[in-house]
Protein backbone atom coordinates (compact mmCIF):
# COMPACT_ATOMS: atom_id res chain seq x y z
CA MET A 1 31.97 -0.39 10.29
CA SER A 2 31.66 -3.20 12.77
CA ASP A 3 28.56 -1.87 14.54
CA LYS A 4 26.64 -1.37 11.29
CA PRO A 5 23.09 -2.62 12.03
CA GLN A 6 21.12 -4.96 9.81
CA LEU A 7 17.68 -3.41 9.49
CA LYS A 8 14.75 -5.73 8.82
CA ILE A 9 12.08 -4.05 6.71
CA GLY A 10 8.69 -5.68 6.19
CA HIS A 11 6.50 -5.23 3.14
CA LEU A 12 3.81 -6.88 1.02
CA PRO A 13 4.40 -8.10 -2.57
CA ILE A 14 2.65 -5.06 -4.06
CA THR A 15 3.84 -2.32 -6.41
CA ASP A 16 3.12 0.22 -3.66
CA HIS A 17 6.31 -1.08 -2.03
CA LEU A 18 8.48 -1.21 -5.14
CA VAL A 19 10.91 1.50 -4.00
CA LEU A 20 12.11 -1.02 -1.39
CA GLY A 21 12.70 -3.58 -4.14
CA MET A 22 14.56 -1.03 -6.24
CA THR A 23 16.81 -0.10 -3.32
CA LYS A 24 17.46 -3.77 -2.60
CA ALA A 25 18.41 -4.32 -6.26
CA LYS A 26 20.68 -1.27 -6.36
CA VAL A 27 22.53 -2.45 -3.26
CA SER A 28 22.83 -6.09 -4.38
CA LYS A 29 24.15 -5.01 -7.80
CA ARG A 30 26.56 -2.57 -6.12
CA VAL A 31 25.07 0.39 -7.93
CA GLU A 32 24.56 1.89 -4.49
CA THR A 33 26.31 1.39 -1.16
CA LEU A 34 24.67 1.63 2.24
CA ASN A 35 27.27 3.00 4.64
CA HIS A 36 25.19 3.09 7.81
CA CYS A 37 23.26 -0.20 7.69
CA SER A 38 22.65 -3.41 5.80
CA LEU A 39 19.20 -4.25 4.53
CA GLU A 40 17.01 -7.32 4.91
CA THR A 41 13.60 -7.23 3.23
CA ILE A 42 10.86 -9.50 4.56
CA SER A 43 7.78 -10.14 2.42
CA LEU A 44 4.55 -10.92 4.28
CA GLY A 45 1.35 -12.37 2.82
CA GLY A 46 -1.14 -9.97 4.40
CA TRP A 47 -1.59 -6.86 6.50
CA ASN A 48 -2.31 -8.74 9.74
CA GLU A 49 0.93 -10.69 9.42
CA LEU A 50 2.87 -7.49 8.78
CA GLY A 51 1.33 -5.72 11.76
CA GLU A 52 1.99 -8.68 14.04
CA ALA A 53 5.61 -8.95 12.90
CA LEU A 54 6.14 -5.25 13.59
CA SER A 55 4.38 -5.44 16.97
CA GLN A 56 6.34 -8.51 18.08
CA GLY A 57 9.73 -6.96 17.33
CA GLU A 58 10.49 -9.03 14.24
CA LEU A 59 10.81 -5.89 12.09
CA ASP A 60 12.68 -2.61 12.51
CA MET A 61 10.79 -0.76 9.80
CA ALA A 62 7.76 -1.47 7.65
CA PHE A 63 5.96 -0.39 4.51
CA MET A 64 2.32 -0.41 5.53
CA LEU A 65 -1.13 1.12 5.14
CA ALA A 66 -1.21 4.60 6.68
CA PRO A 67 -4.42 3.99 8.70
CA TYR A 68 -3.09 0.69 10.04
CA ALA A 69 0.10 2.44 11.12
CA MET A 70 -2.03 5.10 12.84
CA GLU A 71 -4.01 2.42 14.67
CA LEU A 72 -0.85 0.67 15.89
CA TYR A 73 0.55 4.01 17.05
CA HIS A 74 -2.73 4.75 18.85
CA SER A 75 -2.51 1.35 20.57
CA GLY A 76 0.89 2.31 22.02
CA LEU A 77 3.30 0.69 19.57
CA PRO A 78 6.47 2.84 19.56
CA ILE A 79 6.66 3.70 15.86
CA LYS A 80 6.87 6.89 13.84
CA LEU A 81 5.97 7.87 10.31
CA VAL A 82 9.13 8.54 8.29
CA SER A 83 7.86 9.02 4.72
CA LEU A 84 5.27 7.93 2.21
CA ALA A 85 5.97 4.72 0.27
CA HIS A 86 4.15 5.91 -2.87
CA ARG A 87 1.02 7.72 -3.98
CA GLU A 88 -2.04 6.31 -5.76
CA GLY A 89 -1.52 2.77 -7.11
CA SER A 90 -4.80 0.97 -6.45
CA ILE A 91 -7.50 -0.19 -8.80
CA ILE A 92 -11.13 -1.24 -8.72
CA VAL A 93 -11.67 -4.41 -10.73
CA THR A 94 -15.06 -5.91 -11.53
CA ASN A 95 -15.63 -9.65 -11.56
CA LYS A 96 -16.59 -10.61 -15.14
CA ARG A 97 -19.11 -13.14 -13.84
CA ALA A 98 -20.95 -10.41 -11.89
CA ASN A 99 -21.92 -8.27 -14.91
CA ILE A 100 -21.00 -4.94 -13.33
CA HIS A 101 -21.17 -1.96 -15.71
CA LYS A 102 -21.89 0.96 -13.39
CA ILE A 103 -21.52 1.65 -9.69
CA GLU A 104 -25.21 0.93 -8.99
CA ASP A 105 -24.69 -2.64 -10.26
CA PHE A 106 -22.76 -3.43 -7.08
CA GLN A 107 -26.08 -3.53 -5.21
CA GLY A 108 -26.60 -7.00 -3.75
CA LYS A 109 -22.95 -7.91 -4.20
CA THR A 110 -19.94 -8.48 -1.97
CA VAL A 111 -16.94 -6.20 -2.48
CA LEU A 112 -13.47 -7.30 -1.40
CA ILE A 113 -11.14 -4.84 0.30
CA PRO A 114 -7.55 -5.59 1.38
CA TYR A 115 -7.97 -4.33 4.96
CA HIS A 116 -10.54 -2.37 6.96
CA LEU A 117 -7.86 0.14 8.05
CA SER A 118 -7.05 1.40 4.56
CA VAL A 119 -7.64 4.17 2.08
CA HIS A 120 -9.19 1.44 -0.10
CA HIS A 121 -12.03 1.08 2.43
CA MET A 122 -12.53 4.84 2.43
CA LEU A 123 -12.48 5.26 -1.36
CA PHE A 124 -14.90 2.44 -2.19
CA ASP A 125 -17.22 3.42 0.66
CA GLU A 126 -17.28 7.00 -0.62
CA LEU A 127 -17.98 5.83 -4.17
CA LEU A 128 -20.93 3.71 -3.03
CA ARG A 129 -22.38 6.36 -0.70
CA ASN A 130 -22.22 8.98 -3.46
CA ALA A 131 -24.30 6.59 -5.60
CA GLY A 132 -26.88 6.28 -2.82
CA LEU A 133 -25.89 2.75 -1.81
CA THR A 134 -25.61 1.60 1.80
CA VAL A 135 -22.81 -0.59 3.10
CA GLY A 136 -22.94 -3.29 5.77
CA PRO A 137 -24.56 -6.62 6.69
CA GLY A 138 -28.11 -6.74 5.34
CA LYS A 139 -27.60 -3.55 3.33
CA ASP A 140 -26.95 -2.86 -0.36
CA VAL A 141 -23.28 -3.87 -0.41
CA VAL A 142 -21.18 -5.96 1.96
CA PHE A 143 -17.44 -5.44 2.34
CA GLU A 144 -15.26 -8.48 2.99
CA THR A 145 -11.61 -8.17 3.98
CA VAL A 146 -9.26 -10.41 2.00
CA ALA A 147 -5.45 -10.19 1.86
CA PRO A 148 -4.26 -8.74 -1.48
CA THR A 149 -2.37 -11.92 -2.36
CA GLN A 150 -5.54 -14.02 -1.96
CA ILE A 151 -7.97 -11.83 -3.90
CA PRO A 152 -7.26 -13.38 -7.36
CA GLN A 153 -8.08 -16.82 -5.95
CA TYR A 154 -11.40 -15.56 -4.52
CA ILE A 155 -12.38 -14.22 -7.94
CA GLU A 156 -11.34 -17.47 -9.64
CA TRP A 157 -13.46 -19.55 -7.23
CA ASP A 158 -16.56 -17.32 -7.42
CA GLU A 159 -18.46 -19.15 -10.14
CA ALA A 160 -21.81 -17.60 -9.15
CA GLY A 161 -20.59 -14.01 -9.46
CA ASP A 162 -21.53 -13.14 -5.87
CA ILE A 163 -18.42 -10.96 -5.62
CA GLY A 164 -19.06 -7.81 -7.61
CA GLY A 165 -15.43 -6.80 -7.57
CA TYR A 166 -12.69 -5.45 -5.39
CA ILE A 167 -10.27 -2.62 -4.73
CA VAL A 168 -6.62 -3.48 -4.17
CA ALA A 169 -3.05 -2.37 -4.69
CA GLU A 170 -1.49 -3.40 -7.96
CA PRO A 171 -0.39 -5.85 -9.26
CA PHE A 172 -3.37 -7.80 -7.89
CA GLY A 173 -5.75 -5.94 -10.17
CA SER A 174 -3.71 -6.60 -13.29
CA VAL A 175 -3.21 -10.25 -12.29
CA VAL A 176 -6.97 -10.88 -12.58
CA ILE A 177 -7.37 -8.68 -15.67
CA THR A 178 -4.58 -10.44 -17.60
CA LYS A 179 -6.20 -13.80 -16.77
CA GLY A 180 -9.41 -12.54 -18.37
CA GLN A 181 -11.39 -12.87 -15.14
CA GLY A 182 -11.92 -9.18 -14.39
CA GLU A 183 -12.10 -5.74 -15.94
CA GLN A 184 -10.76 -2.38 -14.87
CA PHE A 185 -13.61 -0.27 -13.46
CA LYS A 186 -11.75 2.69 -12.00
CA LEU A 187 -8.30 3.70 -10.77
CA SER A 188 -8.01 4.99 -7.23
CA ASN A 189 -6.54 8.26 -8.51
CA GLU A 190 -9.80 8.91 -10.37
CA ILE A 191 -11.54 9.07 -6.99
CA TRP A 192 -8.83 10.97 -5.09
CA PRO A 193 -6.00 12.25 -7.31
CA ASP A 194 -2.49 11.92 -5.85
CA HIS A 195 -3.84 10.24 -2.71
CA PRO A 196 -1.57 8.80 -0.01
CA CYS A 197 -1.89 5.11 0.83
CA CYS A 198 1.13 3.29 2.28
CA VAL A 199 3.75 4.84 4.52
CA VAL A 200 7.18 3.91 5.80
CA VAL A 201 7.36 3.58 9.58
CA ALA A 202 10.29 2.89 11.89
CA LYS A 203 10.51 1.74 15.48
CA ASP A 204 11.41 4.48 17.97
CA ASN A 205 14.54 2.65 19.14
CA ILE A 206 15.83 2.52 15.55
CA LEU A 207 15.16 6.22 15.06
CA GLN A 208 17.03 6.99 18.28
CA LYS A 209 20.00 4.66 17.75
CA TYR A 210 20.46 4.78 13.98
CA PRO A 211 19.13 8.06 12.54
CA GLU A 212 21.89 8.09 9.91
CA ALA A 213 20.75 4.68 8.67
CA VAL A 214 17.12 5.80 8.44
CA GLN A 215 18.18 8.93 6.56
CA GLU A 216 20.31 6.88 4.18
CA LEU A 217 17.45 4.49 3.47
CA THR A 218 14.94 7.32 3.02
CA ASN A 219 17.25 9.03 0.54
CA SER A 220 17.60 5.74 -1.32
CA PHE A 221 13.82 5.19 -1.43
CA VAL A 222 13.35 8.68 -2.87
CA SER A 223 15.97 8.08 -5.58
CA SER A 224 14.46 4.64 -6.26
CA GLY A 225 11.08 6.28 -6.82
CA LYS A 226 12.56 8.62 -9.40
CA LEU A 227 14.32 5.69 -11.07
CA ILE A 228 11.06 3.76 -11.46
CA HIS A 229 9.63 6.64 -13.49
CA GLU A 230 12.84 7.30 -15.44
CA LYS A 231 13.55 3.66 -16.32
CA PRO A 232 10.23 1.77 -16.44
CA ASP A 233 11.77 -1.20 -18.31
CA THR A 234 14.29 -1.69 -15.50
CA ALA A 235 11.50 -1.27 -12.94
CA VAL A 236 9.44 -3.95 -14.70
CA LYS A 237 12.30 -6.46 -14.49
CA ILE A 238 13.13 -5.68 -10.85
CA GLY A 239 9.43 -5.56 -9.92
CA SER A 240 8.83 -8.93 -11.56
CA GLU A 241 11.57 -10.49 -9.43
CA PHE A 242 10.81 -8.62 -6.19
CA LEU A 243 7.04 -9.17 -6.33
CA GLY A 244 7.04 -12.61 -7.96
CA GLN A 245 4.91 -11.55 -10.92
CA SER A 246 5.24 -11.91 -14.69
CA GLU A 247 6.76 -9.07 -16.68
CA GLU A 248 3.46 -8.86 -18.60
CA VAL A 249 1.62 -7.98 -15.38
CA MET A 250 4.32 -5.53 -14.28
CA LYS A 251 4.26 -3.77 -17.67
CA ARG A 252 0.52 -3.27 -17.36
CA VAL A 253 1.07 -1.56 -14.01
CA LEU A 254 4.21 0.48 -14.70
CA ALA A 255 4.41 1.20 -18.45
CA THR A 256 2.33 4.39 -18.45
CA GLY A 257 3.78 5.77 -15.21
CA ASP A 258 0.44 7.10 -13.98
CA LYS A 259 -1.17 4.20 -12.11
CA VAL A 260 1.16 4.36 -9.11
CA THR A 261 3.51 7.27 -8.48
CA TYR A 262 6.67 7.54 -6.42
CA LYS A 263 7.74 11.15 -7.08
CA ASN A 264 6.46 12.94 -3.98
CA LEU A 265 7.10 10.89 -0.85
CA LYS A 266 6.83 13.76 1.63
CA PRO A 267 3.78 13.24 3.87
CA ASN A 268 1.09 15.91 3.81
CA LEU A 269 -0.59 15.87 7.21
CA GLN A 270 -3.79 17.44 5.87
CA GLU A 271 -4.19 14.49 3.50
CA LEU A 272 -3.57 12.00 6.29
CA ASP A 273 -6.04 13.86 8.51
CA LYS A 274 -8.67 13.64 5.77
CA MET A 275 -8.13 9.88 5.77
CA GLN A 276 -8.29 9.41 9.54
CA THR A 277 -11.32 11.71 9.84
CA TYR A 278 -13.28 9.62 7.32
CA LEU A 279 -12.22 6.36 8.95
CA THR A 280 -13.34 7.53 12.39
CA GLN A 281 -16.36 9.74 11.71
CA VAL A 282 -17.96 8.33 8.56
CA ILE A 283 -17.06 4.67 9.01
CA SER A 284 -15.92 3.49 12.42
CA ALA A 285 -12.77 1.70 11.28
CA LEU A 286 -10.10 3.48 13.33
CA SER A 287 -10.38 3.51 17.13
CA ASP A 288 -9.75 7.26 17.26
CA LYS A 289 -7.86 10.07 15.59
CA ILE A 290 -4.22 10.57 16.53
CA ASP A 291 -1.95 13.60 16.80
CA LEU A 292 -0.32 13.41 13.38
CA GLU A 293 2.40 15.94 14.22
CA THR A 294 3.60 13.71 17.06
CA PHE A 295 3.32 10.60 14.89
CA PHE A 296 5.41 12.10 12.06
CA ASP A 297 9.18 12.32 12.51
CA ASP A 298 9.86 14.87 9.79
CA ARG A 299 13.66 14.87 10.04
CA PHE A 300 14.20 12.51 7.15
CA VAL A 301 12.16 14.26 4.44
CA LYS A 302 13.04 17.87 5.23
CA GLY A 303 15.03 18.15 2.00
CA LEU A 304 12.18 16.98 -0.23
């Protein structure tokens, strides 16, 4: 078909976005054919870069943090939520040099988070508050935002152990752990089981002009998610290539099948509302709450 669009989809090199890598691999190996579009994946180094690329029209779709997508929608960017990208998938890692053994040991330390508009911010904040610790400049714990790809370098450079640890999407927890520089403290699903995190969004003009293409891609992402769980060895190899990580790191993330899950990609608006309520009312990260029913174009996941 001569008018078949090439859709540019942005993502970060994290396992949260692996269904995109699986779909790309299936298409390139001709295991699967896209009849309504061709696919170009664009890997960005951080959340700001991804948001800017989407805002400036360089991307048609994006895999991104749900709260960041909400904020862009609130600011007037013409995007809609199409599906979840995954569930769970993040990890709290302690810096070995900081001697952290329990949550109270984070007092007086800096904690790295991947973005202020994230479920990571919410989960770590909740963990600290429940332990009676305060967060902010001059308080018990200070959050510092660092792009996921840069976090391992921050830990490597922190000889004094000023950074207590961090919360991030895999594989950037396992990267530090396999180097012997950090230890697993807690998985995000231990704080909020089956929690949402990243979503798939599409520009309004793409949804209007190419709904068949969006449906085709969504179907492929769902089948890719199932494939990751059914064939973890294949997922490790494809993930290693797509994310630029060693197979050792990818095995640590994917082998057990319970660190990050891809089985239920249908958004639950109550879960997303829980997230946006916390990020507006408990910590002032989001500008305001949005109408989630208007934000969510539910056409593409009706069959899930």
